[in-house]
Amino acid sequence: MDEHMPPNHRLFREGTLEGLQTWAQSLGPSTVTFLQRSLEDKRHFASRLKAAQLLRREAQKDNWQGRIESACTHALRLNCLGFDRLRGIIRTNADSRLSTVTTVKVIEHENLRGADYFTTTPEAPL
């Protein structure tokens, strides 16, 4: 049905909330969740909707369509719901870098004070 619409009508329809949701569904479940959670804030709904429209245009222009799903997954994992942050994740390839979690080995030593040292009451001086 959209094929028969004039280009300006089609562009308007794609920029509506329903059009953005359809676009997000075509990319994947993380994109849908990111869009829904980002637009939950009713106080800033209009500005966030405009940001989502801009992201969609940039994604089509810069050919980010394949990257948005993994970037949304990464953003949701970090609880970053801003479109500027999502754009930053895509531009810096932060979603494709492996997160390196370093484990710190706990050193057991008789001279180390532990958490118990600070919870006990000090003894009276002699």
PDB file of N, CA and C in Angstrom:
ATOM      1  N   MET A   1       0.815  -1.188   0.000  1.00  0.00           N
ATOM      2  CA  MET A   1       0.000   0.000   0.000  1.00  0.00           C
ATOM      3  C   MET A   1       0.864   1.259   0.000  1.00  0.00           C
ATOM      4  N   ASP A   2       2.007   1.229   0.670  1.00  0.00           N
ATOM      5  CA  ASP A   2       2.882   2.396   0.725  1.00  0.00           C
ATOM      6  C   ASP A   2       3.474   2.737  -0.636  1.00  0.00           C
ATOM      7  N   GLU A   3       3.575   1.753  -1.525  1.00  0.00           N
ATOM      8  CA  GLU A   3       4.162   2.001  -2.831  1.00  0.00           C
ATOM      9  C   GLU A   3       3.351   3.013  -3.630  1.00  0.00           C
ATOM     10  N   HIS A   4       2.056   3.094  -3.369  1.00  0.00           N
ATOM     11  CA  HIS A   4       1.181   3.983  -4.117  1.00  0.00           C
ATOM     12  C   HIS A   4       1.102   5.379  -3.510  1.00  0.00           C
ATOM     13  N   MET A   5       1.740   5.577  -2.374  1.00  0.00           N
ATOM     14  CA  MET A   5       1.714   6.891  -1.728  1.00  0.00           C
ATOM     15  C   MET A   5       2.740   7.815  -2.362  1.00  0.00           C
ATOM     16  N   PRO A   6       2.459   9.109  -2.370  1.00  0.00           N
ATOM     17  CA  PRO A   6       3.485  10.062  -2.802  1.00  0.00           C
ATOM     18  C   PRO A   6       4.657  10.033  -1.818  1.00  0.00           C
ATOM     19  N   PRO A   7       5.861  10.365  -2.257  1.00  0.00           N
ATOM     20  CA  PRO A   7       7.046  10.277  -1.382  1.00  0.00           C
ATOM     21  C   PRO A   7       6.922  11.073  -0.088  1.00  0.00           C
ATOM     22  N   ASN A   8       6.335  12.259  -0.134  1.00  0.00           N
ATOM     23  CA  ASN A   8       6.222  13.042   1.098  1.00  0.00           C
ATOM     24  C   ASN A   8       5.242  12.409   2.083  1.00  0.00           C
ATOM     25  N   HIS A   9       4.194  11.754   1.598  1.00  0.00           N
ATOM     26  CA  HIS A   9       3.258  11.055   2.488  1.00  0.00           C
ATOM     27  C   HIS A   9       3.935   9.834   3.108  1.00  0.00           C
ATOM     28  N   ARG A  10       4.708   9.124   2.296  1.00  0.00           N
ATOM     29  CA  ARG A  10       5.411   7.947   2.787  1.00  0.00           C
ATOM     30  C   ARG A  10       6.428   8.337   3.857  1.00  0.00           C
ATOM     31  N   LEU A  11       7.130   9.452   3.640  1.00  0.00           N
ATOM     32  CA  LEU A  11       8.113   9.933   4.604  1.00  0.00           C
ATOM     33  C   LEU A  11       7.446  10.302   5.924  1.00  0.00           C
ATOM     34  N   PHE A  12       6.274  10.931   5.851  1.00  0.00           N
ATOM     35  CA  PHE A  12       5.557  11.283   7.074  1.00  0.00           C
ATOM     36  C   PHE A  12       5.118  10.030   7.829  1.00  0.00           C
ATOM     37  N   ARG A  13       4.608   9.058   7.102  1.00  0.00           N
ATOM     38  CA  ARG A  13       4.134   7.832   7.739  1.00  0.00           C
ATOM     39  C   ARG A  13       5.269   7.071   8.415  1.00  0.00           C
ATOM     40  N   GLU A  14       6.431   7.059   7.799  1.00  0.00           N
ATOM     41  CA  GLU A  14       7.577   6.368   8.379  1.00  0.00           C
ATOM     42  C   GLU A  14       8.058   7.042   9.656  1.00  0.00           C
ATOM     43  N   GLY A  15       7.796   8.341   9.807  1.00  0.00           N
ATOM     44  CA  GLY A  15       8.247   9.081  10.977  1.00  0.00           C
ATOM     45  C   GLY A  15       7.303   9.008  12.158  1.00  0.00           C
ATOM     46  N   THR A  16       6.167   8.374  12.007  1.00  0.00           N
ATOM     47  CA  THR A  16       5.227   8.244  13.117  1.00  0.00           C
ATOM     48  C   THR A  16       5.710   7.148  14.066  1.00  0.00           C
ATOM     49  N   LEU A  17       5.093   7.087  15.227  1.00  0.00           N
ATOM     50  CA  LEU A  17       5.456   6.068  16.214  1.00  0.00           C
ATOM     51  C   LEU A  17       5.255   4.671  15.648  1.00  0.00           C
ATOM     52  N   GLU A  18       4.152   4.460  14.938  1.00  0.00           N
ATOM     53  CA  GLU A  18       3.886   3.144  14.355  1.00  0.00           C
ATOM     54  C   GLU A  18       4.933   2.793  13.297  1.00  0.00           C
ATOM     55  N   GLY A  19       5.341   3.791  12.514  1.00  0.00           N
ATOM     56  CA  GLY A  19       6.367   3.554  11.501  1.00  0.00           C
ATOM     57  C   GLY A  19       7.708   3.193  12.122  1.00  0.00           C
ATOM     58  N   LEU A  20       8.047   3.869  13.226  1.00  0.00           N
ATOM     59  CA  LEU A  20       9.301   3.563  13.919  1.00  0.00           C
ATOM     60  C   LEU A  20       9.255   2.182  14.560  1.00  0.00           C
ATOM     61  N   GLN A  21       8.094   1.806  15.093  1.00  0.00           N
ATOM     62  CA  GLN A  21       7.960   0.474  15.691  1.00  0.00           C
ATOM     63  C   GLN A  21       8.086  -0.616  14.631  1.00  0.00           C
ATOM     64  N   THR A  22       7.509  -0.376  13.461  1.00  0.00           N
ATOM     65  CA  THR A  22       7.629  -1.338  12.366  1.00  0.00           C
ATOM     66  C   THR A  22       9.085  -1.472  11.942  1.00  0.00           C
ATOM     67  N   TRP A  23       9.778  -0.349  11.864  1.00  0.00           N
ATOM     68  CA  TRP A  23      11.201  -0.355  11.505  1.00  0.00           C
ATOM     69  C   TRP A  23      12.009  -1.126  12.553  1.00  0.00           C
ATOM     70  N   ALA A  24      11.730  -0.875  13.827  1.00  0.00           N
ATOM     71  CA  ALA A  24      12.448  -1.555  14.907  1.00  0.00           C
ATOM     72  C   ALA A  24      12.190  -3.058  14.862  1.00  0.00           C
ATOM     73  N   GLN A  25      10.956  -3.459  14.587  1.00  0.00           N
ATOM     74  CA  GLN A  25      10.632  -4.883  14.497  1.00  0.00           C
ATOM     75  C   GLN A  25      11.368  -5.550  13.350  1.00  0.00           C
ATOM     76  N   SER A  26      11.614  -4.795  12.275  1.00  0.00           N
ATOM     77  CA  SER A  26      12.335  -5.387  11.144  1.00  0.00           C
ATOM     78  C   SER A  26      13.809  -5.615  11.470  1.00  0.00           C
ATOM     79  N   LEU A  27      14.328  -4.904  12.501  1.00  0.00           N
ATOM     80  CA  LEU A  27      15.735  -5.064  12.873  1.00  0.00           C
ATOM     81  C   LEU A  27      15.960  -6.129  13.933  1.00  0.00           C
ATOM     82  N   GLY A  28      15.032  -6.249  14.889  1.00  0.00           N
ATOM     83  CA  GLY A  28      15.200  -7.285  15.901  1.00  0.00           C
ATOM     84  C   GLY A  28      14.602  -6.913  17.242  1.00  0.00           C
ATOM     85  N   PRO A  29      14.562  -7.884  18.167  1.00  0.00           N
ATOM     86  CA  PRO A  29      13.902  -7.675  19.459  1.00  0.00           C
ATOM     87  C   PRO A  29      14.606  -6.656  20.360  1.00  0.00           C
ATOM     88  N   SER A  30      15.916  -6.560  20.299  1.00  0.00           N
ATOM     89  CA  SER A  30      16.611  -5.580  21.145  1.00  0.00           C
ATOM     90  C   SER A  30      16.306  -4.160  20.696  1.00  0.00           C
ATOM     91  N   THR A  31      16.160  -3.974  19.405  1.00  0.00           N
ATOM     92  CA  THR A  31      15.827  -2.653  18.884  1.00  0.00           C
ATOM     93  C   THR A  31      14.423  -2.255  19.312  1.00  0.00           C
ATOM     94  N   VAL A  32      13.499  -3.193  19.293  1.00  0.00           N
ATOM     95  CA  VAL A  32      12.130  -2.917  19.742  1.00  0.00           C
ATOM     96  C   VAL A  32      12.133  -2.543  21.216  1.00  0.00           C
ATOM     97  N   THR A  33      12.839  -3.312  22.036  1.00  0.00           N
ATOM     98  CA  THR A  33      12.906  -3.037  23.473  1.00  0.00           C
ATOM     99  C   THR A  33      13.564  -1.695  23.735  1.00  0.00           C
ATOM    100  N   PHE A  34      14.658  -1.399  23.022  1.00  0.00           N
ATOM    101  CA  PHE A  34      15.355  -0.121  23.199  1.00  0.00           C
ATOM    102  C   PHE A  34      14.418   1.034  22.864  1.00  0.00           C
ATOM    103  N   LEU A  35      13.699   0.937  21.752  1.00  0.00           N
ATOM    104  CA  LEU A  35      12.784   1.998  21.341  1.00  0.00           C
ATOM    105  C   LEU A  35      11.668   2.175  22.364  1.00  0.00           C
ATOM    106  N   GLN A  36      11.072   1.080  22.811  1.00  0.00           N
ATOM    107  CA  GLN A  36       9.981   1.167  23.791  1.00  0.00           C
ATOM    108  C   GLN A  36      10.457   1.782  25.095  1.00  0.00           C
ATOM    109  N   ARG A  37      11.585   1.318  25.601  1.00  0.00           N
ATOM    110  CA  ARG A  37      12.084   1.839  26.880  1.00  0.00           C
ATOM    111  C   ARG A  37      12.530   3.293  26.761  1.00  0.00           C
ATOM    112  N   SER A  38      13.054   3.671  25.603  1.00  0.00           N
ATOM    113  CA  SER A  38      13.486   5.053  25.408  1.00  0.00           C
ATOM    114  C   SER A  38      12.306   6.009  25.340  1.00  0.00           C
ATOM    115  N   LEU A  39      11.201   5.543  24.807  1.00  0.00           N
ATOM    116  CA  LEU A  39      10.035   6.405  24.647  1.00  0.00           C
ATOM    117  C   LEU A  39       9.072   6.349  25.831  1.00  0.00           C
ATOM    118  N   GLU A  40       9.416   5.597  26.874  1.00  0.00           N
ATOM    119  CA  GLU A  40       8.540   5.500  28.046  1.00  0.00           C
ATOM    120  C   GLU A  40       8.429   6.815  28.815  1.00  0.00           C
ATOM    121  N   ASP A  41       9.463   7.619  28.773  1.00  0.00           N
ATOM    122  CA  ASP A  41       9.468   8.883  29.504  1.00  0.00           C
ATOM    123  C   ASP A  41       8.539   9.862  28.800  1.00  0.00           C
ATOM    124  N   LYS A  42       7.357  10.071  29.359  1.00  0.00           N
ATOM    125  CA  LYS A  42       6.336  10.910  28.724  1.00  0.00           C
ATOM    126  C   LYS A  42       6.718  12.385  28.730  1.00  0.00           C
ATOM    127  N   ARG A  43       7.551  12.816  29.675  1.00  0.00           N
ATOM    128  CA  ARG A  43       7.924  14.230  29.725  1.00  0.00           C
ATOM    129  C   ARG A  43       8.743  14.627  28.517  1.00  0.00           C
ATOM    130  N   HIS A  44       9.575  13.724  28.025  1.00  0.00           N
ATOM    131  CA  HIS A  44      10.465  14.025  26.908  1.00  0.00           C
ATOM    132  C   HIS A  44      10.104  13.203  25.674  1.00  0.00           C
ATOM    133  N   PHE A  45       8.855  12.820  25.570  1.00  0.00           N
ATOM    134  CA  PHE A  45       8.430  11.929  24.490  1.00  0.00           C
ATOM    135  C   PHE A  45       8.679  12.548  23.118  1.00  0.00           C
ATOM    136  N   ALA A  46       8.319  13.809  22.943  1.00  0.00           N
ATOM    137  CA  ALA A  46       8.442  14.445  21.625  1.00  0.00           C
ATOM    138  C   ALA A  46       9.902  14.543  21.182  1.00  0.00           C
ATOM    139  N   SER A  47      10.779  14.930  22.091  1.00  0.00           N
ATOM    140  CA  SER A  47      12.189  15.049  21.713  1.00  0.00           C
ATOM    141  C   SER A  47      12.811  13.679  21.462  1.00  0.00           C
ATOM    142  N   ARG A  48      12.399  12.675  22.218  1.00  0.00           N
ATOM    143  CA  ARG A  48      12.935  11.329  21.993  1.00  0.00           C
ATOM    144  C   ARG A  48      12.396  10.715  20.701  1.00  0.00           C
ATOM    145  N   LEU A  49      11.148  11.036  20.377  1.00  0.00           N
ATOM    146  CA  LEU A  49      10.594  10.562  19.115  1.00  0.00           C
ATOM    147  C   LEU A  49      11.354  11.185  17.947  1.00  0.00           C
ATOM    148  N   LYS A  50      11.665  12.462  18.068  1.00  0.00           N
ATOM    149  CA  LYS A  50      12.442  13.146  17.032  1.00  0.00           C
ATOM    150  C   LYS A  50      13.849  12.544  16.923  1.00  0.00           C
ATOM    151  N   ALA A  51      14.449  12.213  18.058  1.00  0.00           N
ATOM    152  CA  ALA A  51      15.770  11.590  18.054  1.00  0.00           C
ATOM    153  C   ALA A  51      15.718  10.211  17.397  1.00  0.00           C
ATOM    154  N   ALA A  52      14.636   9.463  17.634  1.00  0.00           N
ATOM    155  CA  ALA A  52      14.481   8.143  17.010  1.00  0.00           C
ATOM    156  C   ALA A  52      14.336   8.281  15.503  1.00  0.00           C
ATOM    157  N   GLN A  53      13.607   9.305  15.064  1.00  0.00           N
ATOM    158  CA  GLN A  53      13.467   9.542  13.628  1.00  0.00           C
ATOM    159  C   GLN A  53      14.816   9.894  13.002  1.00  0.00           C
ATOM    160  N   LEU A  54      15.587  10.709  13.693  1.00  0.00           N
ATOM    161  CA  LEU A  54      16.915  11.080  13.210  1.00  0.00           C
ATOM    162  C   LEU A  54      17.831   9.863  13.151  1.00  0.00           C
ATOM    163  N   LEU A  55      17.770   9.013  14.166  1.00  0.00           N
ATOM    164  CA  LEU A  55      18.586   7.795  14.172  1.00  0.00           C
ATOM    165  C   LEU A  55      18.229   6.910  12.984  1.00  0.00           C
ATOM    166  N   ARG A  56      16.952   6.803  12.706  1.00  0.00           N
ATOM    167  CA  ARG A  56      16.525   5.974  11.580  1.00  0.00           C
ATOM    168  C   ARG A  56      17.064   6.534  10.262  1.00  0.00           C
ATOM    169  N   ARG A  57      16.973   7.847  10.094  1.00  0.00           N
ATOM    170  CA  ARG A  57      17.496   8.468   8.874  1.00  0.00           C
ATOM    171  C   ARG A  57      19.006   8.258   8.754  1.00  0.00           C
ATOM    172  N   GLU A  58      19.725   8.446   9.857  1.00  0.00           N
ATOM    173  CA  GLU A  58      21.179   8.248   9.837  1.00  0.00           C
ATOM    174  C   GLU A  58      21.528   6.798   9.549  1.00  0.00           C
ATOM    175  N   ALA A  59      20.757   5.885  10.106  1.00  0.00           N
ATOM    176  CA  ALA A  59      21.014   4.456   9.887  1.00  0.00           C
ATOM    177  C   ALA A  59      20.851   4.106   8.412  1.00  0.00           C
ATOM    178  N   GLN A  60      19.860   4.684   7.785  1.00  0.00           N
ATOM    179  CA  GLN A  60      19.649   4.407   6.364  1.00  0.00           C
ATOM    180  C   GLN A  60      20.719   5.088   5.516  1.00  0.00           C
ATOM    181  N   LYS A  61      21.100   6.310   5.897  1.00  0.00           N
ATOM    182  CA  LYS A  61      22.089   7.064   5.128  1.00  0.00           C
ATOM    183  C   LYS A  61      23.486   6.457   5.272  1.00  0.00           C
ATOM    184  N   ASP A  62      23.876   6.111   6.510  1.00  0.00           N
ATOM    185  CA  ASP A  62      25.224   5.606   6.778  1.00  0.00           C
ATOM    186  C   ASP A  62      25.320   4.089   6.748  1.00  0.00           C
ATOM    187  N   ASN A  63      24.230   3.430   6.379  1.00  0.00           N
ATOM    188  CA  ASN A  63      24.186   1.972   6.256  1.00  0.00           C
ATOM    189  C   ASN A  63      24.506   1.271   7.574  1.00  0.00           C
ATOM    190  N   TRP A  64      23.814   1.681   8.627  1.00  0.00           N
ATOM    191  CA  TRP A  64      23.979   1.074   9.954  1.00  0.00           C
ATOM    192  C   TRP A  64      22.948  -0.014  10.230  1.00  0.00           C
ATOM    193  N   GLN A  65      22.126  -0.340   9.275  1.00  0.00           N
ATOM    194  CA  GLN A  65      21.007  -1.248   9.532  1.00  0.00           C
ATOM    195  C   GLN A  65      21.450  -2.545  10.204  1.00  0.00           C
ATOM    196  N   GLY A  66      22.574  -3.092   9.790  1.00  0.00           N
ATOM    197  CA  GLY A  66      23.045  -4.344  10.369  1.00  0.00           C
ATOM    198  C   GLY A  66      23.657  -4.190  11.751  1.00  0.00           C
ATOM    199  N   ARG A  67      24.025  -2.977  12.122  1.00  0.00           N
ATOM    200  CA  ARG A  67      24.706  -2.744  13.388  1.00  0.00           C
ATOM    201  C   ARG A  67      23.772  -2.352  14.523  1.00  0.00           C
ATOM    202  N   ILE A  68      22.610  -1.865  14.187  1.00  0.00           N
ATOM    203  CA  ILE A  68      21.739  -1.291  15.223  1.00  0.00           C
ATOM    204  C   ILE A  68      21.291  -2.333  16.234  1.00  0.00           C
ATOM    205  N   GLU A  69      20.986  -3.531  15.794  1.00  0.00           N
ATOM    206  CA  GLU A  69      20.511  -4.563  16.723  1.00  0.00           C
ATOM    207  C   GLU A  69      21.570  -4.885  17.778  1.00  0.00           C
ATOM    208  N   SER A  70      22.815  -5.079  17.362  1.00  0.00           N
ATOM    209  CA  SER A  70      23.856  -5.393  18.344  1.00  0.00           C
ATOM    210  C   SER A  70      24.159  -4.183  19.222  1.00  0.00           C
ATOM    211  N   ALA A  71      24.074  -2.979  18.663  1.00  0.00           N
ATOM    212  CA  ALA A  71      24.290  -1.771  19.465  1.00  0.00           C
ATOM    213  C   ALA A  71      23.174  -1.601  20.495  1.00  0.00           C
ATOM    214  N   CYS A  72      21.945  -1.901  20.128  1.00  0.00           N
ATOM    215  CA  CYS A  72      20.823  -1.821  21.076  1.00  0.00           C
ATOM    216  C   CYS A  72      20.983  -2.861  22.182  1.00  0.00           C
ATOM    217  N   THR A  73      21.443  -4.052  21.841  1.00  0.00           N
ATOM    218  CA  THR A  73      21.684  -5.079  22.847  1.00  0.00           C
ATOM    219  C   THR A  73      22.730  -4.599  23.840  1.00  0.00           C
ATOM    220  N   HIS A  74      23.799  -4.002  23.329  1.00  0.00           N
ATOM    221  CA  HIS A  74      24.869  -3.489  24.182  1.00  0.00           C
ATOM    222  C   HIS A  74      24.349  -2.337  25.052  1.00  0.00           C
ATOM    223  N   ALA A  75      23.581  -1.428  24.462  1.00  0.00           N
ATOM    224  CA  ALA A  75      23.041  -0.285  25.210  1.00  0.00           C
ATOM    225  C   ALA A  75      22.082  -0.739  26.305  1.00  0.00           C
ATOM    226  N   LEU A  76      21.263  -1.734  26.022  1.00  0.00           N
ATOM    227  CA  LEU A  76      20.338  -2.246  27.037  1.00  0.00           C
ATOM    228  C   LEU A  76      21.104  -2.916  28.171  1.00  0.00           C
ATOM    229  N   ARG A  77      22.180  -3.610  27.843  1.00  0.00           N
ATOM    230  CA  ARG A  77      22.996  -4.252  28.868  1.00  0.00           C
ATOM    231  C   ARG A  77      23.595  -3.208  29.813  1.00  0.00           C
ATOM    232  N   LEU A  78      23.945  -2.030  29.253  1.00  0.00           N
ATOM    233  CA  LEU A  78      24.520  -0.948  30.056  1.00  0.00           C
ATOM    234  C   LEU A  78      23.467   0.004  30.610  1.00  0.00           C
ATOM    235  N   ASN A  79      22.208  -0.231  30.249  1.00  0.00           N
ATOM    236  CA  ASN A  79      21.082   0.626  30.642  1.00  0.00           C
ATOM    237  C   ASN A  79      21.268   2.060  30.143  1.00  0.00           C
ATOM    238  N   CYS A  80      21.776   2.194  28.936  1.00  0.00           N
ATOM    239  CA  CYS A  80      21.915   3.496  28.271  1.00  0.00           C
ATOM    240  C   CYS A  80      20.758   3.632  27.293  1.00  0.00           C
ATOM    241  N   LEU A  81      19.815   4.491  27.597  1.00  0.00           N
ATOM    242  CA  LEU A  81      18.620   4.586  26.771  1.00  0.00           C
ATOM    243  C   LEU A  81      18.568   5.833  25.914  1.00  0.00           C
ATOM    244  N   GLY A  82      19.640   6.574  25.838  1.00  0.00           N
ATOM    245  CA  GLY A  82      19.668   7.776  25.012  1.00  0.00           C
ATOM    246  C   GLY A  82      20.082   7.450  23.586  1.00  0.00           C
ATOM    247  N   PHE A  83      19.485   8.160  22.644  1.00  0.00           N
ATOM    248  CA  PHE A  83      19.814   7.915  21.242  1.00  0.00           C
ATOM    249  C   PHE A  83      21.206   8.429  20.903  1.00  0.00           C
ATOM    250  N   ASP A  84      21.659   9.474  21.596  1.00  0.00           N
ATOM    251  CA  ASP A  84      23.023   9.951  21.376  1.00  0.00           C
ATOM    252  C   ASP A  84      24.036   8.897  21.815  1.00  0.00           C
ATOM    253  N   ARG A  85      23.749   8.246  22.917  1.00  0.00           N
ATOM    254  CA  ARG A  85      24.656   7.190  23.385  1.00  0.00           C
ATOM    255  C   ARG A  85      24.647   5.995  22.442  1.00  0.00           C
ATOM    256  N   LEU A  86      23.478   5.664  21.910  1.00  0.00           N
ATOM    257  CA  LEU A  86      23.390   4.565  20.946  1.00  0.00           C
ATOM    258  C   LEU A  86      24.193   4.909  19.697  1.00  0.00           C
ATOM    259  N   ARG A  87      24.080   6.145  19.246  1.00  0.00           N
ATOM    260  CA  ARG A  87      24.850   6.606  18.094  1.00  0.00           C
ATOM    261  C   ARG A  87      26.351   6.503  18.390  1.00  0.00           C
ATOM    262  N   GLY A  88      26.747   6.855  19.604  1.00  0.00           N
ATOM    263  CA  GLY A  88      28.147   6.746  20.002  1.00  0.00           C
ATOM    264  C   GLY A  88      28.630   5.310  20.026  1.00  0.00           C
ATOM    265  N   ILE A  89      27.787   4.397  20.486  1.00  0.00           N
ATOM    266  CA  ILE A  89      28.138   2.969  20.502  1.00  0.00           C
ATOM    267  C   ILE A  89      28.390   2.481  19.080  1.00  0.00           C
ATOM    268  N   ILE A  90      27.545   2.923  18.153  1.00  0.00           N
ATOM    269  CA  ILE A  90      27.700   2.486  16.765  1.00  0.00           C
ATOM    270  C   ILE A  90      28.966   3.079  16.158  1.00  0.00           C
ATOM    271  N   ARG A  91      29.191   4.357  16.396  1.00  0.00           N
ATOM    272  CA  ARG A  91      30.351   5.026  15.784  1.00  0.00           C
ATOM    273  C   ARG A  91      31.681   4.513  16.322  1.00  0.00           C
ATOM    274  N   THR A  92      31.718   4.145  17.600  1.00  0.00           N
ATOM    275  CA  THR A  92      32.981   3.682  18.192  1.00  0.00           C
ATOM    276  C   THR A  92      33.124   2.167  18.183  1.00  0.00           C
ATOM    277  N   ASN A  93      32.138   1.467  17.642  1.00  0.00           N
ATOM    278  CA  ASN A  93      32.139  -0.004  17.606  1.00  0.00           C
ATOM    279  C   ASN A  93      32.239  -0.614  18.997  1.00  0.00           C
ATOM    280  N   ALA A  94      31.671   0.050  19.980  1.00  0.00           N
ATOM    281  CA  ALA A  94      31.745  -0.445  21.354  1.00  0.00           C
ATOM    282  C   ALA A  94      31.018  -1.773  21.515  1.00  0.00           C
ATOM    283  N   ASP A  95      30.017  -2.022  20.691  1.00  0.00           N
ATOM    284  CA  ASP A  95      29.265  -3.267  20.798  1.00  0.00           C
ATOM    285  C   ASP A  95      30.046  -4.464  20.267  1.00  0.00           C
ATOM    286  N   SER A  96      31.023  -4.215  19.408  1.00  0.00           N
ATOM    287  CA  SER A  96      31.764  -5.337  18.837  1.00  0.00           C
ATOM    288  C   SER A  96      33.009  -5.696  19.638  1.00  0.00           C
ATOM    289  N   ARG A  97      33.407  -4.808  20.527  1.00  0.00           N
ATOM    290  CA  ARG A  97      34.564  -5.114  21.373  1.00  0.00           C
ATOM    291  C   ARG A  97      34.143  -6.057  22.483  1.00  0.00           C
ATOM    292  N   LEU A  98      34.964  -7.002  22.764  1.00  0.00           N
ATOM    293  CA  LEU A  98      34.676  -7.923  23.853  1.00  0.00           C
ATOM    294  C   LEU A  98      34.883  -7.208  25.174  1.00  0.00           C
ATOM    295  N   SER A  99      33.962  -7.400  26.062  1.00  0.00           N
ATOM    296  CA  SER A  99      34.145  -6.806  27.381  1.00  0.00           C
ATOM    297  C   SER A  99      35.091  -7.688  28.170  1.00  0.00           C
ATOM    298  N   THR A 100      36.155  -7.104  28.623  1.00  0.00           N
ATOM    299  CA  THR A 100      37.144  -7.856  29.383  1.00  0.00           C
ATOM    300  C   THR A 100      36.874  -7.643  30.860  1.00  0.00           C
ATOM    301  N   VAL A 101      36.493  -8.680  31.496  1.00  0.00           N
ATOM    302  CA  VAL A 101      36.238  -8.629  32.921  1.00  0.00           C
ATOM    303  C   VAL A 101      37.466  -9.186  33.621  1.00  0.00           C
ATOM    304  N   THR A 102      38.081  -8.346  34.389  1.00  0.00           N
ATOM    305  CA  THR A 102      39.267  -8.801  35.097  1.00  0.00           C
ATOM    306  C   THR A 102      38.863  -9.267  36.489  1.00  0.00           C
ATOM    307  N   THR A 103      39.367 -10.401  36.848  1.00  0.00           N
ATOM    308  CA  THR A 103      39.099 -10.914  38.181  1.00  0.00           C
ATOM    309  C   THR A 103      40.308 -10.644  39.050  1.00  0.00           C
ATOM    310  N   VAL A 104      40.039 -10.147  40.209  1.00  0.00           N
ATOM    311  CA  VAL A 104      41.114  -9.825  41.136  1.00  0.00           C
ATOM    312  C   VAL A 104      41.248 -10.975  42.107  1.00  0.00           C
ATOM    313  N   LYS A 105      42.466 -11.463  42.222  1.00  0.00           N
ATOM    314  CA  LYS A 105      42.720 -12.557  43.145  1.00  0.00           C
ATOM    315  C   LYS A 105      42.804 -11.977  44.564  1.00  0.00           C
ATOM    316  N   VAL A 106      42.046 -12.538  45.449  1.00  0.00           N
ATOM    317  CA  VAL A 106      42.047 -12.092  46.836  1.00  0.00           C
ATOM    318  C   VAL A 106      43.259 -12.696  47.526  1.00  0.00           C
ATOM    319  N   ILE A 107      44.046 -11.833  48.124  1.00  0.00           N
ATOM    320  CA  ILE A 107      45.255 -12.286  48.800  1.00  0.00           C
ATOM    321  C   ILE A 107      44.926 -12.536  50.265  1.00  0.00           C
ATOM    322  N   GLU A 108      45.207 -13.718  50.701  1.00  0.00           N
ATOM    323  CA  GLU A 108      45.029 -14.058  52.105  1.00  0.00           C
ATOM    324  C   GLU A 108      46.374 -13.935  52.799  1.00  0.00           C
ATOM    325  N   HIS A 109      46.443 -13.094  53.827  1.00  0.00           N
ATOM    326  CA  HIS A 109      47.687 -12.874  54.528  1.00  0.00           C
ATOM    327  C   HIS A 109      47.356 -12.495  55.960  1.00  0.00           C
ATOM    328  N   GLU A 110      48.155 -12.920  56.901  1.00  0.00           N
ATOM    329  CA  GLU A 110      47.841 -12.688  58.313  1.00  0.00           C
ATOM    330  C   GLU A 110      47.940 -11.218  58.711  1.00  0.00           C
ATOM    331  N   ASN A 111      48.682 -10.406  57.967  1.00  0.00           N
ATOM    332  CA  ASN A 111      48.828  -8.994  58.312  1.00  0.00           C
ATOM    333  C   ASN A 111      47.762  -8.103  57.679  1.00  0.00           C
ATOM    334  N   LEU A 112      46.928  -8.667  56.864  1.00  0.00           N
ATOM    335  CA  LEU A 112      45.886  -7.861  56.229  1.00  0.00           C
ATOM    336  C   LEU A 112      44.676  -7.757  57.137  1.00  0.00           C
ATOM    337  N   ARG A 113      44.159  -6.561  57.265  1.00  0.00           N
ATOM    338  CA  ARG A 113      42.925  -6.370  58.030  1.00  0.00           C
ATOM    339  C   ARG A 113      41.762  -6.685  57.107  1.00  0.00           C
ATOM    340  N   GLY A 114      40.839  -7.383  57.540  1.00  0.00           N
ATOM    341  CA  GLY A 114      39.673  -7.677  56.733  1.00  0.00           C
ATOM    342  C   GLY A 114      38.499  -6.811  57.151  1.00  0.00           C
ATOM    343  N   ALA A 115      37.346  -7.109  56.624  1.00  0.00           N
ATOM    344  CA  ALA A 115      36.147  -6.358  56.962  1.00  0.00           C
ATOM    345  C   ALA A 115      35.806  -6.521  58.443  1.00  0.00           C
ATOM    346  N   ASP A 116      36.159  -7.670  59.017  1.00  0.00           N
ATOM    347  CA  ASP A 116      35.863  -7.913  60.432  1.00  0.00           C
ATOM    348  C   ASP A 116      36.642  -6.975  61.347  1.00  0.00           C
ATOM    349  N   TYR A 117      37.795  -6.531  60.918  1.00  0.00           N
ATOM    350  CA  TYR A 117      38.620  -5.652  61.734  1.00  0.00           C
ATOM    351  C   TYR A 117      37.877  -4.356  62.064  1.00  0.00           C
ATOM    352  N   PHE A 118      37.130  -3.847  61.090  1.00  0.00           N
ATOM    353  CA  PHE A 118      36.456  -2.568  61.260  1.00  0.00           C
ATOM    354  C   PHE A 118      35.085  -2.698  61.907  1.00  0.00           C
ATOM    355  N   THR A 119      34.551  -3.892  61.996  1.00  0.00           N
ATOM    356  CA  THR A 119      33.234  -4.070  62.609  1.00  0.00           C
ATOM    357  C   THR A 119      33.318  -4.409  64.086  1.00  0.00           C
ATOM    358  N   THR A 120      34.476  -4.817  64.541  1.00  0.00           N
ATOM    359  CA  THR A 120      34.614  -5.166  65.961  1.00  0.00           C
ATOM    360  C   THR A 120      34.931  -3.896  66.759  1.00  0.00           C
ATOM    361  N   THR A 121      34.542  -3.916  67.992  1.00  0.00           N
ATOM    362  CA  THR A 121      34.829  -2.776  68.852  1.00  0.00           C
ATOM    363  C   THR A 121      36.267  -2.852  69.315  1.00  0.00           C
ATOM    364  N   PRO A 122      36.923  -1.710  69.380  1.00  0.00           N
ATOM    365  CA  PRO A 122      38.330  -1.749  69.808  1.00  0.00           C
ATOM    366  C   PRO A 122      38.437  -2.120  71.277  1.00  0.00           C
ATOM    367  N   GLU A 123      39.504  -2.776  71.582  1.00  0.00           N
ATOM    368  CA  GLU A 123      39.746  -3.177  72.977  1.00  0.00           C
ATOM    369  C   GLU A 123      40.285  -1.967  73.738  1.00  0.00           C
ATOM    370  N   ALA A 124      40.033  -1.974  75.024  1.00  0.00           N
ATOM    371  CA  ALA A 124      40.524  -0.880  75.874  1.00  0.00           C
ATOM    372  C   ALA A 124      42.036  -0.943  75.956  1.00  0.00           C
ATOM    373  N   PRO A 125      42.703   0.217  75.877  1.00  0.00           N
ATOM    374  CA  PRO A 125      44.164   0.204  75.950  1.00  0.00           C
ATOM    375  C   PRO A 125      44.630  -0.251  77.337  1.00  0.00           C
ATOM    376  N   LEU A 126      45.761  -0.864  77.340  1.00  0.00           N
ATOM    377  CA  LEU A 126      46.298  -1.391  78.601  1.00  0.00           C
ATOM    378  C   LEU A 126      46.892  -0.334  79.452  1.00  0.00           C
TER     379      LEU A 126
END
